[in-house]
Amino acid sequence: MTFEELYDIARKTLNPKKLSKSSYAGSVAAAILSENGKVYTGVCIDTPSSMGFCAEHAAIAAMITAGENRIVKLVSVYKDGTIIPPCGRCREFISQIHDDNYKCEVMVKKDTVVTIYDLIPYRWEKEEN
């Protein structure tokens, strides 16, 4: 699957809406391609007091629920269609749910793809020899 196809899936997943007087959802969507070739999607939930979560977390939760945890490709999209890279928390989360996810390719902007390792090259974990 190409990044363009993954981008289209993420963009179609967007669903911005107000949930309550102080909470919103769906202004960012993520699409993940797993090792087995399945695509998982998710949207962000923005709430006060840091109780919400990112679109990447939602997509990863769906993937883990389905029994997978290895991510091959990832793209996240803001409600205006802009490609956005995962935040630091998501980068770390991605790297922790499978030992090889540091190889995951991430589209950070149009025509620019990097790996999670490129985004967090100096891991806090001790490397095994």
Protein backbone atom coordinates (compact mmCIF):
# COMPACT_ATOMS: atom_id res chain seq x y z
CA MET A 1 0.00 0.00 0.00
CA THR A 2 1.30 3.43 -0.90
CA PHE A 3 1.44 6.42 1.42
CA GLU A 4 -0.99 8.20 -0.87
CA GLU A 5 -3.55 5.42 -0.32
CA LEU A 6 -2.92 5.51 3.43
CA TYR A 7 -3.30 9.30 3.40
CA ASP A 8 -6.67 8.99 1.60
CA ILE A 9 -7.88 6.52 4.24
CA ALA A 10 -6.80 8.83 7.07
CA ARG A 11 -8.43 11.83 5.43
CA LYS A 12 -11.72 9.94 4.99
CA THR A 13 -11.55 8.96 8.67
CA LEU A 14 -11.58 12.59 9.82
CA ASN A 15 -14.82 13.42 11.62
CA PRO A 16 -14.46 16.67 13.58
CA LYS A 17 -17.25 17.22 16.07
CA LYS A 18 -18.01 18.68 19.46
CA LEU A 19 -18.68 15.99 22.07
CA SER A 20 -19.63 18.19 24.99
CA LYS A 21 -19.22 21.80 26.10
CA SER A 22 -15.49 21.22 26.62
CA SER A 23 -14.54 18.19 24.52
CA TYR A 24 -13.97 17.62 20.81
CA ALA A 25 -13.05 14.66 18.64
CA GLY A 26 -12.00 13.77 15.15
CA SER A 27 -9.89 16.79 14.16
CA VAL A 28 -6.90 14.49 13.60
CA ALA A 29 -7.07 11.02 12.07
CA ALA A 30 -4.37 8.38 11.74
CA ALA A 31 -4.05 5.39 9.44
CA ILE A 32 -1.64 2.58 10.25
CA LEU A 33 -0.53 -0.22 7.95
CA SER A 34 0.28 -3.33 9.97
CA GLU A 35 2.81 -6.04 9.22
CA ASN A 36 -0.04 -8.26 8.01
CA GLY A 37 -1.22 -5.65 5.49
CA LYS A 38 -4.31 -4.51 7.37
CA VAL A 39 -5.09 -0.81 7.87
CA TYR A 40 -6.23 0.47 11.25
CA THR A 41 -7.60 3.96 11.81
CA GLY A 42 -8.37 6.21 14.72
CA VAL A 43 -9.25 9.78 15.61
CA CYS A 44 -8.14 12.02 18.44
CA ILE A 45 -10.30 12.92 21.41
CA ASP A 46 -9.50 16.31 22.95
CA THR A 47 -10.66 16.85 26.53
CA PRO A 48 -9.65 19.10 29.41
CA SER A 49 -7.21 17.83 32.05
CA SER A 50 -5.21 15.78 29.49
CA MET A 51 -7.70 12.93 29.58
CA GLY A 52 -8.06 12.62 25.80
CA PHE A 53 -5.73 10.85 23.42
CA CYS A 54 -4.17 11.11 20.00
CA ALA A 55 -5.43 9.57 16.76
CA GLU A 56 -2.34 7.36 16.64
CA HIS A 57 -3.23 5.91 20.06
CA ALA A 58 -6.76 5.15 18.87
CA ALA A 59 -5.49 3.41 15.72
CA ILE A 60 -2.91 1.44 17.73
CA ALA A 61 -5.60 0.35 20.20
CA ALA A 62 -7.69 -0.97 17.30
CA MET A 63 -4.64 -2.80 15.93
CA ILE A 64 -3.81 -4.39 19.28
CA THR A 65 -7.46 -5.35 19.79
CA ALA A 66 -7.22 -7.22 16.47
CA GLY A 67 -4.11 -9.07 17.68
CA GLU A 68 -1.35 -7.12 15.92
CA ASN A 69 1.36 -4.77 17.16
CA ARG A 70 3.91 -4.33 14.36
CA ILE A 71 3.50 -1.08 12.41
CA VAL A 72 4.94 -0.77 8.90
CA LYS A 73 3.60 2.65 7.84
CA LEU A 74 1.78 5.51 9.50
CA VAL A 75 0.23 8.78 8.38
CA SER A 76 -1.72 11.31 10.44
CA VAL A 77 -3.85 14.09 9.01
CA TYR A 78 -5.23 17.30 10.50
CA LYS A 79 -8.81 18.34 9.68
CA ASP A 80 -7.64 20.72 6.92
CA GLY A 81 -5.85 17.84 5.17
CA THR A 82 -2.35 18.74 6.36
CA ILE A 83 -0.11 15.77 7.09
CA ILE A 84 1.29 16.01 10.61
CA PRO A 85 3.96 13.92 12.31
CA PRO A 86 3.13 12.06 15.52
CA CYS A 87 3.80 13.91 18.77
CA GLY A 88 6.61 12.83 21.07
CA ARG A 89 4.30 10.74 23.25
CA CYS A 90 3.02 8.87 20.20
CA ARG A 91 6.53 8.33 18.84
CA GLU A 92 7.56 6.72 22.11
CA PHE A 93 4.32 4.71 22.34
CA ILE A 94 4.82 3.36 18.81
CA SER A 95 8.39 2.33 19.60
CA GLN A 96 7.34 0.47 22.75
CA ILE A 97 4.54 -1.74 21.41
CA HIS A 98 6.86 -3.79 19.15
CA ASP A 99 10.65 -4.05 19.22
CA ASP A 100 10.89 -3.44 15.45
CA ASN A 101 8.57 -0.44 15.29
CA TYR A 102 11.59 1.86 15.22
CA LYS A 103 11.68 0.85 11.53
CA CYS A 104 8.09 2.07 11.01
CA GLU A 105 7.90 4.54 8.12
CA VAL A 106 6.09 7.77 8.91
CA MET A 107 4.94 10.36 6.40
CA VAL A 108 5.71 13.67 8.12
CA LYS A 109 4.75 15.89 5.19
CA LYS A 110 3.97 15.48 1.52
CA ASP A 111 6.83 13.62 -0.19
CA THR A 112 8.76 13.22 3.08
CA VAL A 113 8.93 9.84 4.80
CA VAL A 114 11.16 9.05 7.78
CA THR A 115 11.34 6.26 10.33
CA ILE A 116 10.44 6.37 14.00
CA TYR A 117 14.17 5.94 14.64
CA ASP A 118 14.78 9.15 12.66
CA LEU A 119 12.29 10.91 14.93
CA ILE A 120 13.71 9.54 18.20
CA PRO A 121 17.31 8.43 17.55
CA TYR A 122 18.54 8.53 21.14
CA ARG A 123 16.32 6.08 22.98
CA TRP A 124 16.18 6.03 26.75
CA GLU A 125 16.32 2.22 26.75
CA LYS A 126 19.65 0.47 27.12
CA GLU A 127 20.60 -1.19 23.84
CA GLU A 128 21.25 -4.92 23.99
CA ASN A 129 24.41 -6.21 22.33
